[in-house]
Amino acid sequence: MEVTVLIPDRFIPTSIPDEEISRDMLEAYAIENYRQLKMSLGQLSELLDLSIDQANSFLKRHNVPLNYSAEDLEDDRRAVEKFLNLNK
């Protein structure tokens, strides 16, 4: 799907190229959807064509905390423990 957003010229500095404005809008969309838990880190990285590490850095640069709860940490801890026990 392609979405077009019309922004009156008076709100866009003429010194900014259209491609940069488009990227800024895409990044703002991704950040807000991630903050609202409507998009995962993987989806954000895919949308912005970034690796997971780059997506983490991107969020850090924009002061966006990771959506990672204590429950997520416990799930990951159990998964690692299970993996380590399977490889004994």
PDB file of N, CA and C in Angstrom:
ATOM      1  N   MET A   1       0.845  -1.167   0.000  1.00  0.00           N
ATOM      2  CA  MET A   1       0.000   0.000   0.000  1.00  0.00           C
ATOM      3  C   MET A   1       0.896   1.237   0.000  1.00  0.00           C
ATOM      4  N   GLU A   2       0.521   2.172  -0.771  1.00  0.00           N
ATOM      5  CA  GLU A   2       1.224   3.447  -0.792  1.00  0.00           C
ATOM      6  C   GLU A   2       0.288   4.499  -0.221  1.00  0.00           C
ATOM      7  N   VAL A   3       0.821   5.306   0.693  1.00  0.00           N
ATOM      8  CA  VAL A   3       0.033   6.346   1.339  1.00  0.00           C
ATOM      9  C   VAL A   3       0.626   7.700   0.980  1.00  0.00           C
ATOM     10  N   THR A   4      -0.220   8.615   0.609  1.00  0.00           N
ATOM     11  CA  THR A   4       0.211   9.971   0.297  1.00  0.00           C
ATOM     12  C   THR A   4      -0.334  10.908   1.359  1.00  0.00           C
ATOM     13  N   VAL A   5       0.544  11.732   1.886  1.00  0.00           N
ATOM     14  CA  VAL A   5       0.150  12.704   2.904  1.00  0.00           C
ATOM     15  C   VAL A   5       0.372  14.091   2.315  1.00  0.00           C
ATOM     16  N   LEU A   6      -0.650  14.918   2.357  1.00  0.00           N
ATOM     17  CA  LEU A   6      -0.535  16.280   1.843  1.00  0.00           C
ATOM     18  C   LEU A   6      -0.240  17.227   2.999  1.00  0.00           C
ATOM     19  N   ILE A   7       0.891  17.904   2.905  1.00  0.00           N
ATOM     20  CA  ILE A   7       1.301  18.870   3.919  1.00  0.00           C
ATOM     21  C   ILE A   7       1.426  20.220   3.214  1.00  0.00           C
ATOM     22  N   PRO A   8       0.740  21.231   3.701  1.00  0.00           N
ATOM     23  CA  PRO A   8       0.850  22.551   3.065  1.00  0.00           C
ATOM     24  C   PRO A   8       2.307  23.020   3.016  1.00  0.00           C
ATOM     25  N   ASP A   9       2.672  23.637   1.908  1.00  0.00           N
ATOM     26  CA  ASP A   9       4.056  24.088   1.687  1.00  0.00           C
ATOM     27  C   ASP A   9       4.590  24.948   2.822  1.00  0.00           C
ATOM     28  N   ARG A  10       3.737  25.720   3.450  1.00  0.00           N
ATOM     29  CA  ARG A  10       4.219  26.633   4.492  1.00  0.00           C
ATOM     30  C   ARG A  10       4.800  25.886   5.694  1.00  0.00           C
ATOM     31  N   PHE A  11       4.506  24.578   5.810  1.00  0.00           N
ATOM     32  CA  PHE A  11       5.023  23.796   6.927  1.00  0.00           C
ATOM     33  C   PHE A  11       6.298  23.031   6.579  1.00  0.00           C
ATOM     34  N   ILE A  12       6.730  23.112   5.342  1.00  0.00           N
ATOM     35  CA  ILE A  12       7.917  22.380   4.900  1.00  0.00           C
ATOM     36  C   ILE A  12       8.984  23.371   4.460  1.00  0.00           C
ATOM     37  N   PRO A  13      10.137  23.360   5.146  1.00  0.00           N
ATOM     38  CA  PRO A  13      11.227  24.237   4.701  1.00  0.00           C
ATOM     39  C   PRO A  13      11.641  23.871   3.272  1.00  0.00           C
ATOM     40  N   THR A  14      11.819  24.865   2.440  1.00  0.00           N
ATOM     41  CA  THR A  14      12.161  24.619   1.031  1.00  0.00           C
ATOM     42  C   THR A  14      13.553  24.025   0.874  1.00  0.00           C
ATOM     43  N   SER A  15      14.374  24.106   1.912  1.00  0.00           N
ATOM     44  CA  SER A  15      15.742  23.591   1.815  1.00  0.00           C
ATOM     45  C   SER A  15      15.817  22.077   2.030  1.00  0.00           C
ATOM     46  N   ILE A  16      14.707  21.438   2.394  1.00  0.00           N
ATOM     47  CA  ILE A  16      14.717  19.997   2.650  1.00  0.00           C
ATOM     48  C   ILE A  16      14.224  19.259   1.408  1.00  0.00           C
ATOM     49  N   PRO A  17      15.032  18.326   0.889  1.00  0.00           N
ATOM     50  CA  PRO A  17      14.610  17.557  -0.293  1.00  0.00           C
ATOM     51  C   PRO A  17      13.394  16.674   0.012  1.00  0.00           C
ATOM     52  N   ASP A  18      12.558  16.437  -1.008  1.00  0.00           N
ATOM     53  CA  ASP A  18      11.354  15.622  -0.848  1.00  0.00           C
ATOM     54  C   ASP A  18      11.669  14.238  -0.284  1.00  0.00           C
ATOM     55  N   GLU A  19      12.770  13.629  -0.740  1.00  0.00           N
ATOM     56  CA  GLU A  19      13.133  12.287  -0.289  1.00  0.00           C
ATOM     57  C   GLU A  19      13.396  12.278   1.214  1.00  0.00           C
ATOM     58  N   GLU A  20      14.018  13.333   1.717  1.00  0.00           N
ATOM     59  CA  GLU A  20      14.315  13.422   3.144  1.00  0.00           C
ATOM     60  C   GLU A  20      13.032  13.582   3.952  1.00  0.00           C
ATOM     61  N   ILE A  21      12.103  14.372   3.428  1.00  0.00           N
ATOM     62  CA  ILE A  21      10.819  14.552   4.100  1.00  0.00           C
ATOM     63  C   ILE A  21      10.075  13.217   4.143  1.00  0.00           C
ATOM     64  N   SER A  22      10.085  12.497   3.037  1.00  0.00           N
ATOM     65  CA  SER A  22       9.418  11.195   2.990  1.00  0.00           C
ATOM     66  C   SER A  22      10.014  10.242   4.010  1.00  0.00           C
ATOM     67  N   ARG A  23      11.334  10.211   4.103  1.00  0.00           N
ATOM     68  CA  ARG A  23      11.994   9.318   5.064  1.00  0.00           C
ATOM     69  C   ARG A  23      11.658   9.744   6.498  1.00  0.00           C
ATOM     70  N   ASP A  24      11.687  11.041   6.749  1.00  0.00           N
ATOM     71  CA  ASP A  24      11.351  11.536   8.089  1.00  0.00           C
ATOM     72  C   ASP A  24       9.929  11.128   8.480  1.00  0.00           C
ATOM     73  N   MET A  25       9.000  11.234   7.543  1.00  0.00           N
ATOM     74  CA  MET A  25       7.609  10.856   7.815  1.00  0.00           C
ATOM     75  C   MET A  25       7.502   9.345   8.085  1.00  0.00           C
ATOM     76  N   LEU A  26       8.221   8.555   7.299  1.00  0.00           N
ATOM     77  CA  LEU A  26       8.209   7.107   7.488  1.00  0.00           C
ATOM     78  C   LEU A  26       8.780   6.743   8.855  1.00  0.00           C
ATOM     79  N   GLU A  27       9.874   7.390   9.236  1.00  0.00           N
ATOM     80  CA  GLU A  27      10.490   7.127  10.537  1.00  0.00           C
ATOM     81  C   GLU A  27       9.556   7.540  11.677  1.00  0.00           C
ATOM     82  N   ALA A  28       8.903   8.679  11.540  1.00  0.00           N
ATOM     83  CA  ALA A  28       7.966   9.134  12.569  1.00  0.00           C
ATOM     84  C   ALA A  28       6.803   8.147  12.704  1.00  0.00           C
ATOM     85  N   TYR A  29       6.323   7.654  11.589  1.00  0.00           N
ATOM     86  CA  TYR A  29       5.248   6.657  11.592  1.00  0.00           C
ATOM     87  C   TYR A  29       5.709   5.402  12.318  1.00  0.00           C
ATOM     88  N   ALA A  30       6.902   4.936  11.999  1.00  0.00           N
ATOM     89  CA  ALA A  30       7.431   3.722  12.619  1.00  0.00           C
ATOM     90  C   ALA A  30       7.622   3.908  14.121  1.00  0.00           C
ATOM     91  N   ILE A  31       8.192   5.027  14.522  1.00  0.00           N
ATOM     92  CA  ILE A  31       8.418   5.302  15.949  1.00  0.00           C
ATOM     93  C   ILE A  31       7.098   5.316  16.704  1.00  0.00           C
ATOM     94  N   GLU A  32       6.125   6.022  16.202  1.00  0.00           N
ATOM     95  CA  GLU A  32       4.853   6.145  16.922  1.00  0.00           C
ATOM     96  C   GLU A  32       4.133   4.807  17.012  1.00  0.00           C
ATOM     97  N   ASN A  33       4.156   4.031  15.948  1.00  0.00           N
ATOM     98  CA  ASN A  33       3.515   2.722  15.990  1.00  0.00           C
ATOM     99  C   ASN A  33       4.248   1.770  16.927  1.00  0.00           C
ATOM    100  N   TYR A  34       5.558   1.859  16.991  1.00  0.00           N
ATOM    101  CA  TYR A  34       6.333   1.054  17.936  1.00  0.00           C
ATOM    102  C   TYR A  34       6.000   1.460  19.364  1.00  0.00           C
ATOM    103  N   ARG A  35       5.957   2.762  19.627  1.00  0.00           N
ATOM    104  CA  ARG A  35       5.618   3.247  20.977  1.00  0.00           C
ATOM    105  C   ARG A  35       4.236   2.770  21.427  1.00  0.00           C
ATOM    106  N   GLN A  36       3.302   2.722  20.503  1.00  0.00           N
ATOM    107  CA  GLN A  36       1.932   2.315  20.823  1.00  0.00           C
ATOM    108  C   GLN A  36       1.738   0.800  20.769  1.00  0.00           C
ATOM    109  N   LEU A  37       2.844   0.057  20.620  1.00  0.00           N
ATOM    110  CA  LEU A  37       2.822  -1.407  20.563  1.00  0.00           C
ATOM    111  C   LEU A  37       2.028  -1.935  19.370  1.00  0.00           C
ATOM    112  N   LYS A  38       1.918  -1.136  18.327  1.00  0.00           N
ATOM    113  CA  LYS A  38       1.231  -1.560  17.111  1.00  0.00           C
ATOM    114  C   LYS A  38       2.216  -2.179  16.120  1.00  0.00           C
ATOM    115  N   MET A  39       3.512  -2.078  16.439  1.00  0.00           N
ATOM    116  CA  MET A  39       4.557  -2.568  15.547  1.00  0.00           C
ATOM    117  C   MET A  39       5.670  -3.143  16.418  1.00  0.00           C
ATOM    118  N   SER A  40       6.163  -4.295  16.029  1.00  0.00           N
ATOM    119  CA  SER A  40       7.267  -4.914  16.759  1.00  0.00           C
ATOM    120  C   SER A  40       8.599  -4.328  16.281  1.00  0.00           C
ATOM    121  N   LEU A  41       9.650  -4.656  17.006  1.00  0.00           N
ATOM    122  CA  LEU A  41      10.983  -4.233  16.596  1.00  0.00           C
ATOM    123  C   LEU A  41      11.322  -4.802  15.221  1.00  0.00           C
ATOM    124  N   GLY A  42      10.950  -6.056  14.997  1.00  0.00           N
ATOM    125  CA  GLY A  42      11.196  -6.684  13.693  1.00  0.00           C
ATOM    126  C   GLY A  42      10.454  -5.983  12.570  1.00  0.00           C
ATOM    127  N   GLN A  43       9.212  -5.595  12.824  1.00  0.00           N
ATOM    128  CA  GLN A  43       8.436  -4.882  11.807  1.00  0.00           C
ATOM    129  C   GLN A  43       9.027  -3.509  11.544  1.00  0.00           C
ATOM    130  N   LEU A  44       9.453  -2.829  12.613  1.00  0.00           N
ATOM    131  CA  LEU A  44      10.081  -1.518  12.452  1.00  0.00           C
ATOM    132  C   LEU A  44      11.347  -1.644  11.612  1.00  0.00           C
ATOM    133  N   SER A  45      12.156  -2.644  11.917  1.00  0.00           N
ATOM    134  CA  SER A  45      13.402  -2.811  11.165  1.00  0.00           C
ATOM    135  C   SER A  45      13.128  -3.126   9.698  1.00  0.00           C
ATOM    136  N   GLU A  46      12.103  -3.934   9.448  1.00  0.00           N
ATOM    137  CA  GLU A  46      11.744  -4.263   8.067  1.00  0.00           C
ATOM    138  C   GLU A  46      11.231  -3.033   7.325  1.00  0.00           C
ATOM    139  N   LEU A  47      10.346  -2.269   7.968  1.00  0.00           N
ATOM    140  CA  LEU A  47       9.778  -1.079   7.335  1.00  0.00           C
ATOM    141  C   LEU A  47      10.864  -0.069   6.971  1.00  0.00           C
ATOM    142  N   LEU A  48      11.831   0.102   7.874  1.00  0.00           N
ATOM    143  CA  LEU A  48      12.881   1.098   7.646  1.00  0.00           C
ATOM    144  C   LEU A  48      14.112   0.513   6.957  1.00  0.00           C
ATOM    145  N   ASP A  49      14.040  -0.765   6.589  1.00  0.00           N
ATOM    146  CA  ASP A  49      15.140  -1.457   5.914  1.00  0.00           C
ATOM    147  C   ASP A  49      16.421  -1.391   6.760  1.00  0.00           C
ATOM    148  N   LEU A  50      16.284  -1.783   8.024  1.00  0.00           N
ATOM    149  CA  LEU A  50      17.397  -1.786   8.965  1.00  0.00           C
ATOM    150  C   LEU A  50      17.558  -3.189   9.537  1.00  0.00           C
ATOM    151  N   SER A  51      18.771  -3.515   9.966  1.00  0.00           N
ATOM    152  CA  SER A  51      18.966  -4.745  10.722  1.00  0.00           C
ATOM    153  C   SER A  51      18.366  -4.524  12.118  1.00  0.00           C
ATOM    154  N   ILE A  52      18.232  -5.581  12.884  1.00  0.00           N
ATOM    155  CA  ILE A  52      17.719  -5.444  14.249  1.00  0.00           C
ATOM    156  C   ILE A  52      18.649  -4.556  15.069  1.00  0.00           C
ATOM    157  N   ASP A  53      19.954  -4.747  14.930  1.00  0.00           N
ATOM    158  CA  ASP A  53      20.912  -3.894  15.655  1.00  0.00           C
ATOM    159  C   ASP A  53      20.759  -2.430  15.250  1.00  0.00           C
ATOM    160  N   GLN A  54      20.607  -2.183  13.963  1.00  0.00           N
ATOM    161  CA  GLN A  54      20.418  -0.805  13.488  1.00  0.00           C
ATOM    162  C   GLN A  54      19.103  -0.231  14.001  1.00  0.00           C
ATOM    163  N   ALA A  55      18.065  -1.067  14.061  1.00  0.00           N
ATOM    164  CA  ALA A  55      16.767  -0.611  14.570  1.00  0.00           C
ATOM    165  C   ALA A  55      16.881  -0.250  16.048  1.00  0.00           C
ATOM    166  N   ASN A  56      17.601  -1.072  16.819  1.00  0.00           N
ATOM    167  CA  ASN A  56      17.822  -0.743  18.230  1.00  0.00           C
ATOM    168  C   ASN A  56      18.559   0.583  18.370  1.00  0.00           C
ATOM    169  N   SER A  57      19.582   0.796  17.567  1.00  0.00           N
ATOM    170  CA  SER A  57      20.333   2.054  17.598  1.00  0.00           C
ATOM    171  C   SER A  57      19.450   3.227  17.183  1.00  0.00           C
ATOM    172  N   PHE A  58      18.633   3.016  16.170  1.00  0.00           N
ATOM    173  CA  PHE A  58      17.700   4.041  15.700  1.00  0.00           C
ATOM    174  C   PHE A  58      16.771   4.466  16.833  1.00  0.00           C
ATOM    175  N   LEU A  59      16.183   3.488  17.529  1.00  0.00           N
ATOM    176  CA  LEU A  59      15.279   3.808  18.635  1.00  0.00           C
ATOM    177  C   LEU A  59      16.022   4.533  19.756  1.00  0.00           C
ATOM    178  N   LYS A  60      17.236   4.104  20.033  1.00  0.00           N
ATOM    179  CA  LYS A  60      18.026   4.752  21.086  1.00  0.00           C
ATOM    180  C   LYS A  60      18.305   6.210  20.725  1.00  0.00           C
ATOM    181  N   ARG A  61      18.676   6.466  19.459  1.00  0.00           N
ATOM    182  CA  ARG A  61      18.949   7.836  19.011  1.00  0.00           C
ATOM    183  C   ARG A  61      17.723   8.731  19.151  1.00  0.00           C
ATOM    184  N   HIS A  62      16.546   8.134  19.045  1.00  0.00           N
ATOM    185  CA  HIS A  62      15.289   8.891  19.142  1.00  0.00           C
ATOM    186  C   HIS A  62      14.671   8.794  20.537  1.00  0.00           C
ATOM    187  N   ASN A  63      15.460   8.327  21.498  1.00  0.00           N
ATOM    188  CA  ASN A  63      15.024   8.243  22.897  1.00  0.00           C
ATOM    189  C   ASN A  63      13.733   7.438  23.074  1.00  0.00           C
ATOM    190  N   VAL A  64      13.620   6.353  22.327  1.00  0.00           N
ATOM    191  CA  VAL A  64      12.463   5.470  22.419  1.00  0.00           C
ATOM    192  C   VAL A  64      12.890   4.220  23.191  1.00  0.00           C
ATOM    193  N   PRO A  65      12.257   3.971  24.341  1.00  0.00           N
ATOM    194  CA  PRO A  65      12.627   2.776  25.103  1.00  0.00           C
ATOM    195  C   PRO A  65      12.163   1.509  24.396  1.00  0.00           C
ATOM    196  N   LEU A  66      12.918   0.435  24.594  1.00  0.00           N
ATOM    197  CA  LEU A  66      12.536  -0.845  24.020  1.00  0.00           C
ATOM    198  C   LEU A  66      11.273  -1.364  24.686  1.00  0.00           C
ATOM    199  N   ASN A  67      10.423  -1.997  23.899  1.00  0.00           N
ATOM    200  CA  ASN A  67       9.222  -2.644  24.425  1.00  0.00           C
ATOM    201  C   ASN A  67       9.637  -4.032  24.904  1.00  0.00           C
ATOM    202  N   TYR A  68      10.191  -4.096  26.091  1.00  0.00           N
ATOM    203  CA  TYR A  68      10.719  -5.343  26.628  1.00  0.00           C
ATOM    204  C   TYR A  68      10.407  -5.378  28.117  1.00  0.00           C
ATOM    205  N   SER A  69       9.479  -6.233  28.480  1.00  0.00           N
ATOM    206  CA  SER A  69       9.001  -6.275  29.863  1.00  0.00           C
ATOM    207  C   SER A  69       9.775  -7.295  30.692  1.00  0.00           C
ATOM    208  N   ALA A  70       9.511  -7.291  31.984  1.00  0.00           N
ATOM    209  CA  ALA A  70      10.086  -8.293  32.878  1.00  0.00           C
ATOM    210  C   ALA A  70       9.619  -9.688  32.457  1.00  0.00           C
ATOM    211  N   GLU A  71       8.389  -9.770  31.985  1.00  0.00           N
ATOM    212  CA  GLU A  71       7.869 -11.058  31.493  1.00  0.00           C
ATOM    213  C   GLU A  71       8.644 -11.527  30.268  1.00  0.00           C
ATOM    214  N   ASP A  72       8.969 -10.605  29.371  1.00  0.00           N
ATOM    215  CA  ASP A  72       9.785 -10.950  28.205  1.00  0.00           C
ATOM    216  C   ASP A  72      11.145 -11.481  28.640  1.00  0.00           C
ATOM    217  N   LEU A  73      11.734 -10.817  29.619  1.00  0.00           N
ATOM    218  CA  LEU A  73      13.032 -11.250  30.129  1.00  0.00           C
ATOM    219  C   LEU A  73      12.943 -12.660  30.710  1.00  0.00           C
ATOM    220  N   GLU A  74      11.898 -12.921  31.463  1.00  0.00           N
ATOM    221  CA  GLU A  74      11.726 -14.258  32.050  1.00  0.00           C
ATOM    222  C   GLU A  74      11.511 -15.305  30.965  1.00  0.00           C
ATOM    223  N   ASP A  75      10.730 -14.977  29.940  1.00  0.00           N
ATOM    224  CA  ASP A  75      10.533 -15.900  28.811  1.00  0.00           C
ATOM    225  C   ASP A  75      11.860 -16.206  28.136  1.00  0.00           C
ATOM    226  N   ASP A  76      12.669 -15.184  27.918  1.00  0.00           N
ATOM    227  CA  ASP A  76      13.969 -15.383  27.285  1.00  0.00           C
ATOM    228  C   ASP A  76      14.897 -16.207  28.176  1.00  0.00           C
ATOM    229  N   ARG A  77      14.848 -15.957  29.479  1.00  0.00           N
ATOM    230  CA  ARG A  77      15.682 -16.718  30.403  1.00  0.00           C
ATOM    231  C   ARG A  77      15.314 -18.202  30.359  1.00  0.00           C
ATOM    232  N   ARG A  78      14.009 -18.497  30.348  1.00  0.00           N
ATOM    233  CA  ARG A  78      13.559 -19.890  30.274  1.00  0.00           C
ATOM    234  C   ARG A  78      13.975 -20.539  28.955  1.00  0.00           C
ATOM    235  N   ALA A  79      13.881 -19.791  27.874  1.00  0.00           N
ATOM    236  CA  ALA A  79      14.259 -20.329  26.567  1.00  0.00           C
ATOM    237  C   ALA A  79      15.753 -20.659  26.527  1.00  0.00           C
ATOM    238  N   VAL A  80      16.576 -19.798  27.079  1.00  0.00           N
ATOM    239  CA  VAL A  80      18.023 -20.054  27.113  1.00  0.00           C
ATOM    240  C   VAL A  80      18.323 -21.248  27.991  1.00  0.00           C
ATOM    241  N   GLU A  81      17.662 -21.312  29.136  1.00  0.00           N
ATOM    242  CA  GLU A  81      17.869 -22.447  30.039  1.00  0.00           C
ATOM    243  C   GLU A  81      17.485 -23.753  29.361  1.00  0.00           C
ATOM    244  N   LYS A  82      16.358 -23.754  28.678  1.00  0.00           N
ATOM    245  CA  LYS A  82      15.911 -24.959  27.959  1.00  0.00           C
ATOM    246  C   LYS A  82      16.920 -25.334  26.882  1.00  0.00           C
ATOM    247  N   PHE A  83      17.392 -24.363  26.144  1.00  0.00           N
ATOM    248  CA  PHE A  83      18.374 -24.615  25.082  1.00  0.00           C
ATOM    249  C   PHE A  83      19.644 -25.210  25.664  1.00  0.00           C
ATOM    250  N   LEU A  84      20.129 -24.650  26.760  1.00  0.00           N
ATOM    251  CA  LEU A  84      21.361 -25.145  27.379  1.00  0.00           C
ATOM    252  C   LEU A  84      21.184 -26.548  27.909  1.00  0.00           C
ATOM    253  N   ASN A  85      20.025 -26.863  28.449  1.00  0.00           N
ATOM    254  CA  ASN A  85      19.768 -28.210  28.960  1.00  0.00           C
ATOM    255  C   ASN A  85      19.629 -29.235  27.832  1.00  0.00           C
ATOM    256  N   LEU A  86      19.160 -28.814  26.689  1.00  0.00           N
ATOM    257  CA  LEU A  86      19.042 -29.729  25.527  1.00  0.00           C
ATOM    258  C   LEU A  86      20.404 -30.078  24.956  1.00  0.00           C
ATOM    259  N   ASN A  87      21.365 -29.222  25.140  1.00  0.00           N
ATOM    260  CA  ASN A  87      22.691 -29.426  24.554  1.00  0.00           C
ATOM    261  C   ASN A  87      23.687 -30.074  25.522  1.00  0.00           C
ATOM    262  N   LYS A  88      23.186 -30.685  26.588  1.00  0.00           N
ATOM    263  CA  LYS A  88      24.087 -31.368  27.535  1.00  0.00           C
ATOM    264  C   LYS A  88      24.295 -32.798  27.129  1.00  0.00           C
TER     265      LYS A  88
END
